[in-house]
Amino acid sequence: SELSSDETDALRARGNAAYQAGNLAEARKLYSQAISLDPSGASAHAHKLHSNLSAVYASLKDWKNSLLHAKRCVDVDHNFSKGWSRIGTAHANMSQPALALQAFRTCLRLDPGNAQ
């Protein structure tokens, strides 16, 4: 519904502010709340919520959960290059270089200018 979409966007904006301020616990809580309002991933920013939550987990060095949300991100939007970059980063930090390389190649194919 429109209401939950507005609410989801507001939670995402608050999560972004918390993340930028280095408040990872608060960012994780806010992004998780926003995702719980949109479990099917129907909102316009669903992929970004999962990407942002993946980034929070990466900052916490929780690579398993970072990978989980990066995969959910690309499940929602297969062409979102940042999601593939996050998958690659998680695999690299989990000592899975072949899977990391595969994800980074997908990222570069989708976004040739991406030097991340």
Foldseek 3Di string as FASTA:
>chain_A
DVVLLVVLVVLQVVLVVCVVVVNLVSNLVSLVVSCVSPVVQPHPCSLVSLLSNLVSCVVVVVLVSNLVSLVVSCVNPVLPLSSLQSNLVSCVSVVNNVSSVVSNVSSCVSPVPDPD
